[in-house]
Amino acid sequence: MRDDDRSSRRALDATDLARVAVMAATIAVLGLPGSFNVFGAVPITAQSLGVMLAGAILGPRLGALSVVVLLALTATGLPLLAGGRGGLGVFVGPSAGYAIGWIAGAFVIGLIVHATPYKPTVWRTALGVVVGGILVDYAFGIPVQSLVTRLPLGETALTSLVFVPGDLVKAVLATLVVLGLVRAYPRAFRRTWQPRKQRDTDDQVQAGR
């Protein structure tokens, strides 16, 4: 592949940026129902479902970027996290690790779901959202929560098990949504599993509008 082809595929165009913005907005909207605490300092929210969708639909690079955009806007003070939370204080609280873990989680989800040049399958999608959306996020969130709350790591991990049933439900929902989009609107997966010729055709169609 020529260098100019590589650079053109790495470059973000207006459509990529629009997709990133839409997905960041989707994650924010999923926070509108609010959050609740079963016990502990970290709230349960629906926003991790949006993170799963971001990685699975947009792929590793754009999926992670959509989360970065959301968190950057949150850092400026916009109340985009569940419960109307915003500002730099979000990133020093008990849930800070989970929020940062969203970035790595979306990236890992994208890597797994789009690991082959073929359409996302149910098993690859499910594996991606579980590994990236749950395991990777917990790997970031639990140590930070333990550090902030000053509870032992083992005890923090044990209390975090309360999140697992809900996160598994979100993983199932994310898998169903992704597979539905593959069938109904495959162009949502622009520049991921589509063959290069089809991507170029779609780009030409978008440019002609």
Protein backbone atom coordinates (compact mmCIF):
# COMPACT_ATOMS: atom_id res chain seq x y z
CA MET A 1 0.00 0.00 0.00
CA ARG A 2 1.29 3.44 -0.90
CA ASP A 3 2.13 5.98 1.79
CA ASP A 4 -0.56 8.39 0.56
CA ASP A 5 -3.16 5.59 0.83
CA ARG A 6 -2.11 4.89 4.41
CA SER A 7 -2.28 8.57 5.36
CA SER A 8 -5.67 9.01 3.71
CA ARG A 9 -7.09 6.07 5.65
CA ARG A 10 -5.65 7.43 8.91
CA ALA A 11 -6.96 10.94 8.32
CA LEU A 12 -10.29 11.95 9.81
CA ASP A 13 -12.79 13.54 7.46
CA ALA A 14 -16.03 15.37 8.17
CA THR A 15 -18.04 12.15 8.23
CA ASP A 16 -15.70 10.54 10.75
CA LEU A 17 -15.90 13.59 13.00
CA ALA A 18 -19.69 13.62 12.72
CA ARG A 19 -19.86 9.96 13.71
CA VAL A 20 -17.59 10.60 16.68
CA ALA A 21 -19.79 13.52 17.77
CA VAL A 22 -22.99 11.49 17.41
CA MET A 23 -21.58 8.64 19.47
CA ALA A 24 -20.30 11.00 22.18
CA ALA A 25 -23.80 12.52 22.29
CA THR A 26 -25.31 9.04 22.51
CA ILE A 27 -23.19 8.20 25.54
CA ALA A 28 -24.22 11.50 27.13
CA VAL A 29 -27.92 10.86 26.43
CA LEU A 30 -27.69 7.46 28.09
CA GLY A 31 -26.79 9.33 31.25
CA LEU A 32 -30.06 11.27 31.29
CA PRO A 33 -31.98 8.61 33.27
CA GLY A 34 -29.50 9.32 36.05
CA SER A 35 -27.68 6.88 38.27
CA PHE A 36 -28.19 5.00 41.49
CA ASN A 37 -26.04 3.37 44.12
CA VAL A 38 -26.67 -0.12 45.42
CA PHE A 39 -23.81 0.34 47.88
CA GLY A 40 -20.39 1.80 47.56
CA ALA A 41 -19.11 5.02 46.03
CA VAL A 42 -19.47 4.22 42.31
CA PRO A 43 -22.91 4.76 40.74
CA ILE A 44 -24.61 2.36 38.32
CA THR A 45 -25.42 4.05 34.99
CA ALA A 46 -26.43 3.15 31.43
CA GLN A 47 -23.53 5.05 29.90
CA SER A 48 -21.24 2.05 29.69
CA LEU A 49 -23.72 0.69 27.12
CA GLY A 50 -22.86 3.68 24.94
CA VAL A 51 -19.16 2.95 25.34
CA MET A 52 -19.73 -0.63 24.20
CA LEU A 53 -21.60 0.63 21.14
CA ALA A 54 -18.89 3.19 20.39
CA GLY A 55 -16.13 0.61 20.13
CA ALA A 56 -18.24 -2.00 18.36
CA ILE A 57 -19.67 0.37 15.73
CA LEU A 58 -16.91 2.92 15.16
CA GLY A 59 -13.91 0.64 15.63
CA PRO A 60 -10.94 1.11 17.98
CA ARG A 61 -9.71 4.53 16.90
CA LEU A 62 -12.97 6.43 16.45
CA GLY A 63 -14.68 4.57 19.28
CA ALA A 64 -11.99 5.62 21.75
CA LEU A 65 -11.99 9.14 20.32
CA SER A 66 -15.73 9.51 20.93
CA VAL A 67 -15.16 8.70 24.61
CA VAL A 68 -12.23 11.14 24.77
CA VAL A 69 -14.50 13.88 23.37
CA LEU A 70 -17.18 13.14 25.96
CA LEU A 71 -14.71 13.17 28.86
CA ALA A 72 -12.98 16.31 27.58
CA LEU A 73 -16.30 18.14 27.48
CA THR A 74 -17.09 16.80 30.94
CA ALA A 75 -13.77 18.16 32.23
CA THR A 76 -14.75 21.64 31.04
CA GLY A 77 -17.72 21.53 33.39
CA LEU A 78 -20.52 20.24 31.18
CA PRO A 79 -22.79 17.89 33.17
CA LEU A 80 -22.56 15.01 30.70
CA LEU A 81 -22.10 12.11 33.08
CA ALA A 82 -25.04 10.39 34.72
CA GLY A 83 -26.57 12.36 37.54
CA GLY A 84 -25.51 15.68 35.97
CA ARG A 85 -21.89 15.26 36.98
CA GLY A 86 -19.22 17.34 35.33
CA GLY A 87 -16.01 19.23 36.01
CA LEU A 88 -12.52 18.13 36.97
CA GLY A 89 -13.77 16.72 40.26
CA VAL A 90 -15.17 13.75 38.36
CA PHE A 91 -11.62 12.66 37.57
CA VAL A 92 -10.43 12.54 41.18
CA GLY A 93 -13.41 10.70 42.64
CA PRO A 94 -13.95 6.97 43.23
CA SER A 95 -15.40 6.45 39.74
CA ALA A 96 -12.52 8.19 37.94
CA GLY A 97 -10.84 4.94 36.97
CA TYR A 98 -14.00 3.61 35.37
CA ALA A 99 -14.39 6.78 33.30
CA ILE A 100 -10.79 6.62 32.06
CA GLY A 101 -11.23 2.88 31.51
CA TRP A 102 -13.98 3.69 29.01
CA ILE A 103 -11.32 4.94 26.59
CA ALA A 104 -9.25 1.77 26.74
CA GLY A 105 -12.40 -0.32 26.80
CA ALA A 106 -13.80 1.22 23.61
CA PHE A 107 -10.44 0.71 21.91
CA VAL A 108 -10.24 -2.97 22.91
CA ILE A 109 -13.86 -3.57 21.88
CA GLY A 110 -13.11 -2.12 18.46
CA LEU A 111 -10.00 -4.25 18.07
CA ILE A 112 -11.88 -7.45 18.84
CA VAL A 113 -15.11 -6.76 16.94
CA HIS A 114 -13.23 -5.59 13.85
CA ALA A 115 -10.31 -8.00 14.13
CA THR A 116 -11.12 -9.54 10.74
CA PRO A 117 -12.15 -8.02 7.39
CA TYR A 118 -15.56 -9.68 7.72
CA LYS A 119 -18.82 -8.42 9.19
CA PRO A 120 -19.12 -8.43 12.99
CA THR A 121 -20.48 -11.75 14.23
CA VAL A 122 -22.49 -12.42 17.35
CA TRP A 123 -19.61 -14.19 19.12
CA ARG A 124 -16.94 -11.67 18.18
CA THR A 125 -19.19 -8.79 19.18
CA ALA A 126 -20.18 -10.40 22.47
CA LEU A 127 -16.55 -11.20 23.27
CA GLY A 128 -15.49 -7.66 22.46
CA VAL A 129 -18.08 -5.92 24.63
CA VAL A 130 -17.46 -8.26 27.56
CA VAL A 131 -13.66 -8.05 27.43
CA GLY A 132 -13.42 -4.34 26.63
CA GLY A 133 -16.62 -3.04 28.18
CA ILE A 134 -16.40 -5.00 31.42
CA LEU A 135 -13.01 -6.59 32.12
CA VAL A 136 -10.84 -3.74 30.82
CA ASP A 137 -13.02 -1.11 32.48
CA TYR A 138 -12.88 -2.95 35.80
CA ALA A 139 -9.10 -3.27 35.45
CA PHE A 140 -8.89 0.52 35.46
CA GLY A 141 -11.78 1.26 37.80
CA ILE A 142 -11.22 -1.08 40.73
CA PRO A 143 -7.61 -0.04 41.57
CA VAL A 144 -8.49 3.67 41.39
CA GLN A 145 -11.60 3.17 43.51
CA SER A 146 -9.51 1.26 46.06
CA LEU A 147 -6.94 4.05 46.11
CA VAL A 148 -9.49 6.85 46.52
CA THR A 149 -11.68 5.09 49.09
CA ARG A 150 -8.67 3.58 50.90
CA LEU A 151 -10.32 0.17 50.98
CA PRO A 152 -8.27 -2.98 50.32
CA LEU A 153 -8.11 -3.97 46.66
CA GLY A 154 -9.72 -7.34 47.34
CA GLU A 155 -12.63 -5.81 49.23
CA THR A 156 -13.14 -3.24 46.48
CA ALA A 157 -13.15 -5.96 43.83
CA LEU A 158 -15.69 -7.94 45.83
CA THR A 159 -18.06 -5.00 46.18
CA SER A 160 -17.69 -4.30 42.45
CA LEU A 161 -19.34 -7.62 41.67
CA VAL A 162 -22.65 -5.82 42.12
CA PHE A 163 -22.06 -4.22 38.72
CA VAL A 164 -21.58 -7.51 36.86
CA PRO A 165 -25.24 -8.54 36.27
CA GLY A 166 -26.19 -5.14 34.90
CA ASP A 167 -23.07 -4.95 32.75
CA LEU A 168 -23.81 -8.38 31.28
CA VAL A 169 -27.32 -7.19 30.38
CA LYS A 170 -25.78 -4.15 28.68
CA ALA A 171 -23.37 -6.42 26.81
CA VAL A 172 -26.31 -8.44 25.47
CA LEU A 173 -28.15 -5.26 24.43
CA ALA A 174 -25.03 -3.88 22.73
CA THR A 175 -24.56 -7.14 20.81
CA LEU A 176 -28.18 -7.10 19.63
CA VAL A 177 -27.96 -3.46 18.54
CA VAL A 178 -24.72 -4.03 16.63
CA LEU A 179 -26.03 -7.09 14.80
CA GLY A 180 -29.24 -5.23 13.99
CA LEU A 181 -27.24 -2.37 12.48
CA VAL A 182 -25.13 -4.78 10.44
CA ARG A 183 -28.28 -6.06 8.80
CA ALA A 184 -30.30 -2.85 8.56
CA TYR A 185 -27.68 -0.14 8.10
CA PRO A 186 -24.22 -1.54 7.30
CA ARG A 187 -22.93 1.92 6.36
CA ALA A 188 -22.88 2.68 10.08
CA PHE A 189 -19.66 0.65 10.08
CA ARG A 190 -17.89 2.87 7.55
CA ARG A 191 -14.16 2.15 7.17
CA THR A 192 -14.19 -0.92 9.36
CA TRP A 193 -15.13 -4.29 7.86
CA GLN A 194 -16.24 -2.99 4.46
CA PRO A 195 -13.94 -3.85 1.53
CA ARG A 196 -11.81 -0.93 0.39
CA LYS A 197 -13.72 -0.63 -2.91
CA GLN A 198 -17.03 -0.33 -1.05
CA ARG A 199 -15.56 2.25 1.35
CA ASP A 200 -14.35 4.33 -1.58
CA THR A 201 -17.78 4.12 -3.21
CA ASP A 202 -19.47 5.24 0.00
CA ASP A 203 -17.01 8.12 0.32
CA GLN A 204 -17.82 9.25 -3.22
CA VAL A 205 -21.55 9.10 -2.49
CA GLN A 206 -21.07 11.15 0.68
CA ALA A 207 -18.92 13.70 -1.19
CA GLY A 208 -21.56 14.08 -3.89
CA ARG A 209 -24.32 15.02 -1.47
